[in-house]
Every structure is written in C-alpha cells, then in structure tokens.
PDB file of all heavy atoms in Angstrom:
ATOM      1  N   ALA A   1      -6.642  13.351  -4.028  1.00  0.00           N
ATOM      2  CA  ALA A   1      -6.403  12.621  -5.279  1.00  0.00           C
ATOM      3  C   ALA A   1      -5.873  11.219  -4.985  1.00  0.00           C
ATOM      4  O   ALA A   1      -6.315  10.240  -5.595  1.00  0.00           O
ATOM      5  CB  ALA A   1      -5.424  13.395  -6.154  1.00  0.00           C
ATOM      6  N   SER A   2      -4.961  11.108  -4.042  1.00  0.00           N
ATOM      7  CA  SER A   2      -4.407   9.809  -3.674  1.00  0.00           C
ATOM      8  C   SER A   2      -5.488   8.896  -3.092  1.00  0.00           C
ATOM      9  O   SER A   2      -5.556   7.706  -3.420  1.00  0.00           O
ATOM     10  CB  SER A   2      -3.278   9.996  -2.665  1.00  0.00           C
ATOM     11  OG  SER A   2      -2.740   8.759  -2.284  1.00  0.00           O
ATOM     12  N   ARG A   3      -6.339   9.451  -2.249  1.00  0.00           N
ATOM     13  CA  ARG A   3      -7.422   8.665  -1.651  1.00  0.00           C
ATOM     14  C   ARG A   3      -8.379   8.154  -2.716  1.00  0.00           C
ATOM     15  O   ARG A   3      -8.735   6.976  -2.730  1.00  0.00           O
ATOM     16  CB  ARG A   3      -8.184   9.516  -0.634  1.00  0.00           C
ATOM     17  CG  ARG A   3      -9.311   8.739   0.050  1.00  0.00           C
ATOM     18  CD  ARG A   3     -10.196   9.633   0.862  1.00  0.00           C
ATOM     19  NE  ARG A   3     -11.049  10.409  -0.046  1.00  0.00           N
ATOM     20  CZ  ARG A   3     -11.769  11.449   0.332  1.00  0.00           C
ATOM     21  NH1 ARG A   3     -11.729  11.871   1.574  1.00  0.00           N
ATOM     22  NH2 ARG A   3     -12.526  12.083  -0.541  1.00  0.00           N
ATOM     23  N   GLU A   4      -8.784   9.027  -3.632  1.00  0.00           N
ATOM     24  CA  GLU A   4      -9.721   8.622  -4.679  1.00  0.00           C
ATOM     25  C   GLU A   4      -9.075   7.639  -5.655  1.00  0.00           C
ATOM     26  O   GLU A   4      -9.739   6.734  -6.162  1.00  0.00           O
ATOM     27  CB  GLU A   4     -10.257   9.846  -5.423  1.00  0.00           C
ATOM     28  CG  GLU A   4     -11.126  10.733  -4.549  1.00  0.00           C
ATOM     29  CD  GLU A   4     -12.295   9.980  -3.929  1.00  0.00           C
ATOM     30  OE1 GLU A   4     -13.240   9.650  -4.663  1.00  0.00           O
ATOM     31  OE2 GLU A   4     -12.261   9.716  -2.707  1.00  0.00           O
ATOM     32  N   PHE A   5      -7.781   7.801  -5.894  1.00  0.00           N
ATOM     33  CA  PHE A   5      -7.080   6.845  -6.740  1.00  0.00           C
ATOM     34  C   PHE A   5      -7.119   5.458  -6.101  1.00  0.00           C
ATOM     35  O   PHE A   5      -7.505   4.481  -6.739  1.00  0.00           O
ATOM     36  CB  PHE A   5      -5.630   7.271  -6.981  1.00  0.00           C
ATOM     37  CG  PHE A   5      -4.859   6.244  -7.761  1.00  0.00           C
ATOM     38  CD1 PHE A   5      -4.972   6.180  -9.135  1.00  0.00           C
ATOM     39  CD2 PHE A   5      -4.044   5.330  -7.111  1.00  0.00           C
ATOM     40  CE1 PHE A   5      -4.287   5.224  -9.861  1.00  0.00           C
ATOM     41  CE2 PHE A   5      -3.353   4.368  -7.813  1.00  0.00           C
ATOM     42  CZ  PHE A   5      -3.477   4.312  -9.194  1.00  0.00           C
ATOM     43  N   ASP A   6      -6.709   5.378  -4.835  1.00  0.00           N
ATOM     44  CA  ASP A   6      -6.667   4.082  -4.142  1.00  0.00           C
ATOM     45  C   ASP A   6      -8.046   3.454  -4.011  1.00  0.00           C
ATOM     46  O   ASP A   6      -8.198   2.233  -4.146  1.00  0.00           O
ATOM     47  CB  ASP A   6      -6.054   4.235  -2.750  1.00  0.00           C
ATOM     48  CG  ASP A   6      -4.567   4.542  -2.786  1.00  0.00           C
ATOM     49  OD1 ASP A   6      -3.921   4.301  -3.828  1.00  0.00           O
ATOM     50  OD2 ASP A   6      -4.047   5.040  -1.764  1.00  0.00           O
ATOM     51  N   ARG A   7      -9.046   4.269  -3.761  1.00  0.00           N
ATOM     52  CA  ARG A   7     -10.394   3.783  -3.478  1.00  0.00           C
ATOM     53  C   ARG A   7     -11.180   3.422  -4.739  1.00  0.00           C
ATOM     54  O   ARG A   7     -11.920   2.447  -4.744  1.00  0.00           O
ATOM     55  CB  ARG A   7     -11.133   4.872  -2.698  1.00  0.00           C
ATOM     56  CG  ARG A   7     -12.365   4.441  -1.968  1.00  0.00           C
ATOM     57  CD  ARG A   7     -12.857   5.559  -1.056  1.00  0.00           C
ATOM     58  NE  ARG A   7     -13.288   6.724  -1.781  1.00  0.00           N
ATOM     59  CZ  ARG A   7     -14.558   6.998  -2.077  1.00  0.00           C
ATOM     60  NH1 ARG A   7     -15.504   6.186  -1.702  1.00  0.00           N
ATOM     61  NH2 ARG A   7     -14.858   8.093  -2.730  1.00  0.00           N
ATOM     62  N   ILE A   8     -11.004   4.179  -5.819  1.00  0.00           N
ATOM     63  CA  ILE A   8     -11.867   4.032  -6.982  1.00  0.00           C
ATOM     64  C   ILE A   8     -11.102   3.716  -8.272  1.00  0.00           C
ATOM     65  O   ILE A   8     -11.443   2.775  -8.992  1.00  0.00           O
ATOM     66  CB  ILE A   8     -12.709   5.309  -7.188  1.00  0.00           C
ATOM     67  CG1 ILE A   8     -13.645   5.510  -5.986  1.00  0.00           C
ATOM     68  CG2 ILE A   8     -13.501   5.244  -8.484  1.00  0.00           C
ATOM     69  CD1 ILE A   8     -14.362   6.842  -5.973  1.00  0.00           C
ATOM     70  N   VAL A   9     -10.082   4.497  -8.574  1.00  0.00           N
ATOM     71  CA  VAL A   9      -9.423   4.393  -9.882  1.00  0.00           C
ATOM     72  C   VAL A   9      -8.535   3.154  -9.987  1.00  0.00           C
ATOM     73  O   VAL A   9      -8.605   2.404 -10.964  1.00  0.00           O
ATOM     74  CB  VAL A   9      -8.621   5.672 -10.194  1.00  0.00           C
ATOM     75  CG1 VAL A   9      -7.909   5.557 -11.531  1.00  0.00           C
ATOM     76  CG2 VAL A   9      -9.557   6.893 -10.195  1.00  0.00           C
ATOM     77  N   LYS A  10      -7.700   2.896  -8.999  1.00  0.00           N
ATOM     78  CA  LYS A  10      -6.772   1.762  -9.057  1.00  0.00           C
ATOM     79  C   LYS A  10      -7.491   0.427  -9.222  1.00  0.00           C
ATOM     80  O   LYS A  10      -7.074  -0.382 -10.065  1.00  0.00           O
ATOM     81  CB  LYS A  10      -5.867   1.749  -7.831  1.00  0.00           C
ATOM     82  CG  LYS A  10      -4.809   0.658  -7.869  1.00  0.00           C
ATOM     83  CD  LYS A  10      -3.935   0.712  -6.622  1.00  0.00           C
ATOM     84  CE  LYS A  10      -2.859  -0.335  -6.634  1.00  0.00           C
ATOM     85  NZ  LYS A  10      -3.374  -1.707  -6.578  1.00  0.00           N
ATOM     86  N   PRO A  11      -8.544   0.144  -8.459  1.00  0.00           N
ATOM     87  CA  PRO A  11      -9.228  -1.133  -8.673  1.00  0.00           C
ATOM     88  C   PRO A  11      -9.756  -1.296 -10.107  1.00  0.00           C
ATOM     89  O   PRO A  11      -9.696  -2.389 -10.671  1.00  0.00           O
ATOM     90  CB  PRO A  11     -10.377  -1.107  -7.657  1.00  0.00           C
ATOM     91  CG  PRO A  11      -9.912  -0.187  -6.588  1.00  0.00           C
ATOM     92  CD  PRO A  11      -9.090   0.860  -7.293  1.00  0.00           C
ATOM     93  N   TYR A  12     -10.234  -0.205 -10.696  1.00  0.00           N
ATOM     94  CA  TYR A  12     -10.708  -0.252 -12.075  1.00  0.00           C
ATOM     95  C   TYR A  12      -9.556  -0.537 -13.038  1.00  0.00           C
ATOM     96  O   TYR A  12      -9.684  -1.369 -13.950  1.00  0.00           O
ATOM     97  CB  TYR A  12     -11.404   1.064 -12.435  1.00  0.00           C
ATOM     98  CG  TYR A  12     -11.781   1.163 -13.885  1.00  0.00           C
ATOM     99  CD1 TYR A  12     -12.879   0.476 -14.384  1.00  0.00           C
ATOM    100  CD2 TYR A  12     -11.025   1.931 -14.768  1.00  0.00           C
ATOM    101  CE1 TYR A  12     -13.220   0.554 -15.732  1.00  0.00           C
ATOM    102  CE2 TYR A  12     -11.360   2.009 -16.109  1.00  0.00           C
ATOM    103  CZ  TYR A  12     -12.459   1.321 -16.586  1.00  0.00           C
ATOM    104  OH  TYR A  12     -12.778   1.392 -17.922  1.00  0.00           O
ATOM    105  N   LEU A  13      -8.428   0.138 -12.842  1.00  0.00           N
ATOM    106  CA  LEU A  13      -7.266  -0.085 -13.709  1.00  0.00           C
ATOM    107  C   LEU A  13      -6.765  -1.520 -13.582  1.00  0.00           C
ATOM    108  O   LEU A  13      -6.466  -2.171 -14.587  1.00  0.00           O
ATOM    109  CB  LEU A  13      -6.149   0.898 -13.368  1.00  0.00           C
ATOM    110  CG  LEU A  13      -6.452   2.385 -13.569  1.00  0.00           C
ATOM    111  CD1 LEU A  13      -5.311   3.226 -13.023  1.00  0.00           C
ATOM    112  CD2 LEU A  13      -6.723   2.698 -15.029  1.00  0.00           C
ATOM    113  N   ASP A  14      -6.670  -2.019 -12.350  1.00  0.00           N
ATOM    114  CA  ASP A  14      -6.208  -3.393 -12.129  1.00  0.00           C
ATOM    115  C   ASP A  14      -7.141  -4.409 -12.781  1.00  0.00           C
ATOM    116  O   ASP A  14      -6.686  -5.363 -13.407  1.00  0.00           O
ATOM    117  CB  ASP A  14      -6.086  -3.686 -10.631  1.00  0.00           C
ATOM    118  CG  ASP A  14      -4.887  -2.995  -9.993  1.00  0.00           C
ATOM    119  OD1 ASP A  14      -3.951  -2.609 -10.717  1.00  0.00           O
ATOM    120  OD2 ASP A  14      -4.909  -2.837  -8.755  1.00  0.00           O
ATOM    121  N   LYS A  15      -8.426  -4.198 -12.631  1.00  0.00           N
ATOM    122  CA  LYS A  15      -9.419  -5.130 -13.182  1.00  0.00           C
ATOM    123  C   LYS A  15      -9.319  -5.210 -14.705  1.00  0.00           C
ATOM    124  O   LYS A  15      -9.482  -6.277 -15.288  1.00  0.00           O
ATOM    125  CB  LYS A  15     -10.821  -4.681 -12.780  1.00  0.00           C
ATOM    126  CG  LYS A  15     -11.930  -5.536 -13.339  1.00  0.00           C
ATOM    127  CD  LYS A  15     -13.286  -5.003 -12.928  1.00  0.00           C
ATOM    128  CE  LYS A  15     -14.389  -5.795 -13.610  1.00  0.00           C
ATOM    129  NZ  LYS A  15     -15.698  -5.200 -13.359  1.00  0.00           N
ATOM    130  N   ASN A  16      -9.035  -4.079 -15.343  1.00  0.00           N
ATOM    131  CA  ASN A  16      -9.023  -4.021 -16.805  1.00  0.00           C
ATOM    132  C   ASN A  16      -7.626  -4.013 -17.419  1.00  0.00           C
ATOM    133  O   ASN A  16      -7.489  -3.985 -18.639  1.00  0.00           O
ATOM    134  CB  ASN A  16      -9.778  -2.775 -17.270  1.00  0.00           C
ATOM    135  CG  ASN A  16     -11.245  -2.880 -16.945  1.00  0.00           C
ATOM    136  OD1 ASN A  16     -11.971  -3.616 -17.586  1.00  0.00           O
ATOM    137  ND2 ASN A  16     -11.682  -2.163 -15.923  1.00  0.00           N
ATOM    138  N   ASP A  17      -6.583  -4.042 -16.583  1.00  0.00           N
ATOM    139  CA  ASP A  17      -5.196  -3.957 -17.057  1.00  0.00           C
ATOM    140  C   ASP A  17      -4.966  -2.713 -17.910  1.00  0.00           C
ATOM    141  O   ASP A  17      -4.330  -2.777 -18.965  1.00  0.00           O
ATOM    142  CB  ASP A  17      -4.793  -5.211 -17.837  1.00  0.00           C
ATOM    143  CG  ASP A  17      -4.706  -6.438 -16.962  1.00  0.00           C
ATOM    144  OD1 ASP A  17      -4.367  -6.284 -15.766  1.00  0.00           O
ATOM    145  OD2 ASP A  17      -4.985  -7.544 -17.452  1.00  0.00           O
ATOM    146  N   PHE A  18      -5.483  -1.567 -17.459  1.00  0.00           N
ATOM    147  CA  PHE A  18      -5.306  -0.298 -18.156  1.00  0.00           C
ATOM    148  C   PHE A  18      -4.207   0.507 -17.469  1.00  0.00           C
ATOM    149  O   PHE A  18      -3.953   0.345 -16.289  1.00  0.00           O
ATOM    150  CB  PHE A  18      -6.592   0.539 -18.128  1.00  0.00           C
ATOM    151  CG  PHE A  18      -7.716   0.016 -18.981  1.00  0.00           C
ATOM    152  CD1 PHE A  18      -8.980   0.571 -18.861  1.00  0.00           C
ATOM    153  CD2 PHE A  18      -7.542  -0.995 -19.894  1.00  0.00           C
ATOM    154  CE1 PHE A  18     -10.039   0.123 -19.639  1.00  0.00           C
ATOM    155  CE2 PHE A  18      -8.591  -1.460 -20.679  1.00  0.00           C
ATOM    156  CZ  PHE A  18      -9.837  -0.896 -20.553  1.00  0.00           C
ATOM    157  N   TYR A  19      -3.571   1.378 -18.227  1.00  0.00           N
ATOM    158  CA  TYR A  19      -2.588   2.327 -17.705  1.00  0.00           C
ATOM    159  C   TYR A  19      -3.281   3.652 -17.383  1.00  0.00           C
ATOM    160  O   TYR A  19      -4.230   4.030 -18.070  1.00  0.00           O
ATOM    161  CB  TYR A  19      -1.537   2.683 -18.761  1.00  0.00           C
ATOM    162  CG  TYR A  19      -0.633   1.588 -19.209  1.00  0.00           C
ATOM    163  CD1 TYR A  19      -0.910   0.871 -20.356  1.00  0.00           C
ATOM    164  CD2 TYR A  19       0.532   1.304 -18.516  1.00  0.00           C
ATOM    165  CE1 TYR A  19      -0.051  -0.119 -20.806  1.00  0.00           C
ATOM    166  CE2 TYR A  19       1.401   0.320 -18.955  1.00  0.00           C
ATOM    167  CZ  TYR A  19       1.095  -0.391 -20.093  1.00  0.00           C
ATOM    168  OH  TYR A  19       1.943  -1.358 -20.537  1.00  0.00           O
ATOM    169  N   LEU A  20      -2.769   4.375 -16.394  1.00  0.00           N
ATOM    170  CA  LEU A  20      -3.135   5.774 -16.175  1.00  0.00           C
ATOM    171  C   LEU A  20      -1.865   6.579 -16.394  1.00  0.00           C
ATOM    172  O   LEU A  20      -0.854   6.362 -15.715  1.00  0.00           O
ATOM    173  CB  LEU A  20      -3.665   6.013 -14.763  1.00  0.00           C
ATOM    174  CG  LEU A  20      -3.929   7.484 -14.398  1.00  0.00           C
ATOM    175  CD1 LEU A  20      -5.058   8.057 -15.262  1.00  0.00           C
ATOM    176  CD2 LEU A  20      -4.261   7.628 -12.920  1.00  0.00           C
ATOM    177  N   LEU A  21      -1.890   7.460 -17.379  1.00  0.00           N
ATOM    178  CA  LEU A  21      -0.753   8.328 -17.662  1.00  0.00           C
ATOM    179  C   LEU A  21      -1.123   9.757 -17.274  1.00  0.00           C
ATOM    180  O   LEU A  21      -2.162  10.262 -17.699  1.00  0.00           O
ATOM    181  CB  LEU A  21      -0.389   8.269 -19.147  1.00  0.00           C
ATOM    182  CG  LEU A  21      -0.065   6.876 -19.684  1.00  0.00           C
ATOM    183  CD1 LEU A  21       0.164   6.933 -21.185  1.00  0.00           C
ATOM    184  CD2 LEU A  21       1.145   6.298 -18.973  1.00  0.00           C
ATOM    185  N   VAL A  22      -0.282  10.393 -16.456  1.00  0.00           N
ATOM    186  CA  VAL A  22      -0.555  11.737 -15.945  1.00  0.00           C
ATOM    187  C   VAL A  22       0.658  12.621 -16.221  1.00  0.00           C
ATOM    188  O   VAL A  22       1.793  12.210 -16.027  1.00  0.00           O
ATOM    189  CB  VAL A  22      -0.824  11.704 -14.421  1.00  0.00           C
ATOM    190  CG1 VAL A  22      -1.107  13.098 -13.893  1.00  0.00           C
ATOM    191  CG2 VAL A  22      -1.964  10.753 -14.082  1.00  0.00           C
ATOM    192  N   GLY A  23       0.396  13.851 -16.669  1.00  0.00           N
ATOM    193  CA  GLY A  23       1.478  14.815 -16.862  1.00  0.00           C
ATOM    194  C   GLY A  23       0.979  16.075 -17.527  1.00  0.00           C
ATOM    195  O   GLY A  23      -0.012  16.061 -18.249  1.00  0.00           O
ATOM    196  N   ASN A  24       1.655  17.173 -17.255  1.00  0.00           N
ATOM    197  CA  ASN A  24       1.323  18.475 -17.851  1.00  0.00           C
ATOM    198  C   ASN A  24      -0.151  18.848 -17.657  1.00  0.00           C
ATOM    199  O   ASN A  24      -0.812  19.307 -18.589  1.00  0.00           O
ATOM    200  CB  ASN A  24       1.699  18.504 -19.333  1.00  0.00           C
ATOM    201  CG  ASN A  24       3.184  18.381 -19.535  1.00  0.00           C
ATOM    202  OD1 ASN A  24       3.968  18.852 -18.725  1.00  0.00           O
ATOM    203  ND2 ASN A  24       3.572  17.739 -20.614  1.00  0.00           N
ATOM    204  N   PHE A  25      -0.646  18.619 -16.474  1.00  0.00           N
ATOM    205  CA  PHE A  25      -2.030  18.931 -16.112  1.00  0.00           C
ATOM    206  C   PHE A  25      -3.042  18.271 -17.036  1.00  0.00           C
ATOM    207  O   PHE A  25      -4.053  18.864 -17.420  1.00  0.00           O
ATOM    208  CB  PHE A  25      -2.253  20.441 -16.019  1.00  0.00           C
ATOM    209  CG  PHE A  25      -1.581  21.025 -14.811  1.00  0.00           C
ATOM    210  CD1 PHE A  25      -0.360  21.670 -14.912  1.00  0.00           C
ATOM    211  CD2 PHE A  25      -2.150  20.883 -13.560  1.00  0.00           C
ATOM    212  CE1 PHE A  25       0.272  22.182 -13.791  1.00  0.00           C
ATOM    213  CE2 PHE A  25      -1.539  21.390 -12.434  1.00  0.00           C
ATOM    214  CZ  PHE A  25      -0.315  22.040 -12.549  1.00  0.00           C
ATOM    215  N   THR A  26      -2.765  17.024 -17.387  1.00  0.00           N
ATOM    216  CA  THR A  26      -3.707  16.220 -18.139  1.00  0.00           C
ATOM    217  C   THR A  26      -3.532  14.760 -17.724  1.00  0.00           C
ATOM    218  O   THR A  26      -2.538  14.398 -17.102  1.00  0.00           O
ATOM    219  CB  THR A  26      -3.505  16.384 -19.668  1.00  0.00           C
ATOM    220  OG1 THR A  26      -4.556  15.708 -20.346  1.00  0.00           O
ATOM    221  CG2 THR A  26      -2.160  15.858 -20.107  1.00  0.00           C
ATOM    222  N   TRP A  27      -4.484  13.941 -18.028  1.00  0.00           N
ATOM    223  CA  TRP A  27      -4.407  12.509 -17.739  1.00  0.00           C
ATOM    224  C   TRP A  27      -5.111  11.757 -18.866  1.00  0.00           C
ATOM    225  O   TRP A  27      -5.947  12.307 -19.568  1.00  0.00           O
ATOM    226  CB  TRP A  27      -5.057  12.176 -16.389  1.00  0.00           C
ATOM    227  CG  TRP A  27      -6.503  12.556 -16.301  1.00  0.00           C
ATOM    228  CD1 TRP A  27      -7.008  13.725 -15.811  1.00  0.00           C
ATOM    229  CD2 TRP A  27      -7.629  11.793 -16.764  1.00  0.00           C
ATOM    230  NE1 TRP A  27      -8.375  13.742 -15.936  1.00  0.00           N
ATOM    231  CE2 TRP A  27      -8.788  12.555 -16.521  1.00  0.00           C
ATOM    232  CE3 TRP A  27      -7.771  10.549 -17.347  1.00  0.00           C
ATOM    233  CZ2 TRP A  27     -10.060  12.117 -16.831  1.00  0.00           C
ATOM    234  CZ3 TRP A  27      -9.053  10.111 -17.671  1.00  0.00           C
ATOM    235  CH2 TRP A  27     -10.173  10.895 -17.404  1.00  0.00           C
ATOM    236  N   THR A  28      -4.754  10.500 -19.015  1.00  0.00           N
ATOM    237  CA  THR A  28      -5.435   9.625 -19.956  1.00  0.00           C
ATOM    238  C   THR A  28      -5.332   8.195 -19.458  1.00  0.00           C
ATOM    239  O   THR A  28      -4.347   7.816 -18.824  1.00  0.00           O
ATOM    240  CB  THR A  28      -4.869   9.749 -21.385  1.00  0.00           C
ATOM    241  OG1 THR A  28      -5.702   9.021 -22.282  1.00  0.00           O
ATOM    242  CG2 THR A  28      -3.454   9.226 -21.488  1.00  0.00           C
ATOM    243  N   ILE A  29      -6.361   7.425 -19.729  1.00  0.00           N
ATOM    244  CA  ILE A  29      -6.342   5.992 -19.453  1.00  0.00           C
ATOM    245  C   ILE A  29      -6.112   5.313 -20.791  1.00  0.00           C
ATOM    246  O   ILE A  29      -6.768   5.625 -21.788  1.00  0.00           O
ATOM    247  CB  ILE A  29      -7.655   5.523 -18.799  1.00  0.00           C
ATOM    248  CG1 ILE A  29      -7.745   6.090 -17.386  1.00  0.00           C
ATOM    249  CG2 ILE A  29      -7.733   4.004 -18.780  1.00  0.00           C
ATOM    250  CD1 ILE A  29      -8.991   5.713 -16.629  1.00  0.00           C
ATOM    251  N   VAL A  30      -5.160   4.369 -20.802  1.00  0.00           N
ATOM    252  CA  VAL A  30      -4.797   3.688 -22.045  1.00  0.00           C
ATOM    253  C   VAL A  30      -5.104   2.204 -21.913  1.00  0.00           C
ATOM    254  O   VAL A  30      -4.742   1.562 -20.925  1.00  0.00           O
ATOM    255  CB  VAL A  30      -3.298   3.892 -22.360  1.00  0.00           C
ATOM    256  CG1 VAL A  30      -2.899   3.113 -23.599  1.00  0.00           C
ATOM    257  CG2 VAL A  30      -2.997   5.371 -22.526  1.00  0.00           C
ATOM    258  N   ASN A  31      -5.766   1.686 -22.938  1.00  0.00           N
ATOM    259  CA  ASN A  31      -5.999   0.251 -23.064  1.00  0.00           C
ATOM    260  C   ASN A  31      -4.846  -0.298 -23.900  1.00  0.00           C
ATOM    261  O   ASN A  31      -4.797  -0.069 -25.106  1.00  0.00           O
ATOM    262  CB  ASN A  31      -7.335   0.005 -23.757  1.00  0.00           C
ATOM    263  CG  ASN A  31      -7.591  -1.461 -24.034  1.00  0.00           C
ATOM    264  OD1 ASN A  31      -6.731  -2.303 -23.825  1.00  0.00           O
ATOM    265  ND2 ASN A  31      -8.776  -1.765 -24.508  1.00  0.00           N
ATOM    266  N   PRO A  32      -3.895  -1.006 -23.289  1.00  0.00           N
ATOM    267  CA  PRO A  32      -2.720  -1.457 -24.034  1.00  0.00           C
ATOM    268  C   PRO A  32      -3.042  -2.520 -25.079  1.00  0.00           C
ATOM    269  O   PRO A  32      -2.208  -2.829 -25.916  1.00  0.00           O
ATOM    270  CB  PRO A  32      -1.793  -2.002 -22.947  1.00  0.00           C
ATOM    271  CG  PRO A  32      -2.689  -2.362 -21.829  1.00  0.00           C
ATOM    272  CD  PRO A  32      -3.852  -1.404 -21.885  1.00  0.00           C
ATOM    273  N   ARG A  33      -4.233  -3.062 -25.042  1.00  0.00           N
ATOM    274  CA  ARG A  33      -4.613  -4.084 -26.009  1.00  0.00           C
ATOM    275  C   ARG A  33      -5.284  -3.486 -27.243  1.00  0.00           C
ATOM    276  O   ARG A  33      -5.719  -4.194 -28.122  1.00  0.00           O
ATOM    277  CB  ARG A  33      -5.542  -5.101 -25.352  1.00  0.00           C
ATOM    278  CG  ARG A  33      -4.843  -5.900 -24.274  1.00  0.00           C
ATOM    279  CD  ARG A  33      -5.769  -6.861 -23.585  1.00  0.00           C
ATOM    280  NE  ARG A  33      -6.928  -6.227 -22.983  1.00  0.00           N
ATOM    281  CZ  ARG A  33      -6.939  -5.619 -21.810  1.00  0.00           C
ATOM    282  NH1 ARG A  33      -5.838  -5.530 -21.109  1.00  0.00           N
ATOM    283  NH2 ARG A  33      -8.036  -5.076 -21.318  1.00  0.00           N
ATOM    284  N   GLY A  34      -5.352  -2.158 -27.307  1.00  0.00           N
ATOM    285  CA  GLY A  34      -5.937  -1.504 -28.478  1.00  0.00           C
ATOM    286  C   GLY A  34      -5.011  -1.593 -29.678  1.00  0.00           C
ATOM    287  O   GLY A  34      -3.914  -2.143 -29.605  1.00  0.00           O
ATOM    288  N   LYS A  35      -5.433  -1.043 -30.790  1.00  0.00           N
ATOM    289  CA  LYS A  35      -4.617  -1.070 -32.010  1.00  0.00           C
ATOM    290  C   LYS A  35      -3.321  -0.309 -31.782  1.00  0.00           C
ATOM    291  O   LYS A  35      -3.293   0.703 -31.098  1.00  0.00           O
ATOM    292  CB  LYS A  35      -5.387  -0.444 -33.172  1.00  0.00           C
ATOM    293  CG  LYS A  35      -6.566  -1.262 -33.605  1.00  0.00           C
ATOM    294  CD  LYS A  35      -7.246  -0.628 -34.791  1.00  0.00           C
ATOM    295  CE  LYS A  35      -8.421  -1.486 -35.209  1.00  0.00           C
ATOM    296  NZ  LYS A  35      -9.124  -0.918 -36.352  1.00  0.00           N
ATOM    297  N   GLY A  36      -2.259  -0.776 -32.416  1.00  0.00           N
ATOM    298  CA  GLY A  36      -0.960  -0.144 -32.223  1.00  0.00           C
ATOM    299  C   GLY A  36      -0.500  -0.338 -30.788  1.00  0.00           C
ATOM    300  O   GLY A  36      -0.635  -1.408 -30.216  1.00  0.00           O
TER     301      GLY A  36
END
C-alpha cells in the first residue's frame, strides 16, 4: 500500500491538491474546492 501510494496516488493528489482520508476500513478522496 505504501509503495502504490508513493508511486501512483500521491503524485495524483499533489497535482490536484486533493486530500486522501483513510479510516475504519474505508477511504475517500476529497476535493477541498468543492461546495461547502
């Protein structure tokens, strides 16, 4: 998971300024520029 995060997910999050929230065996990507 750490390898795939560093290799694939993190560059995408950095490029788009998105958050990755993980907990309770679930995850979500959040666009902070969305409504609310």
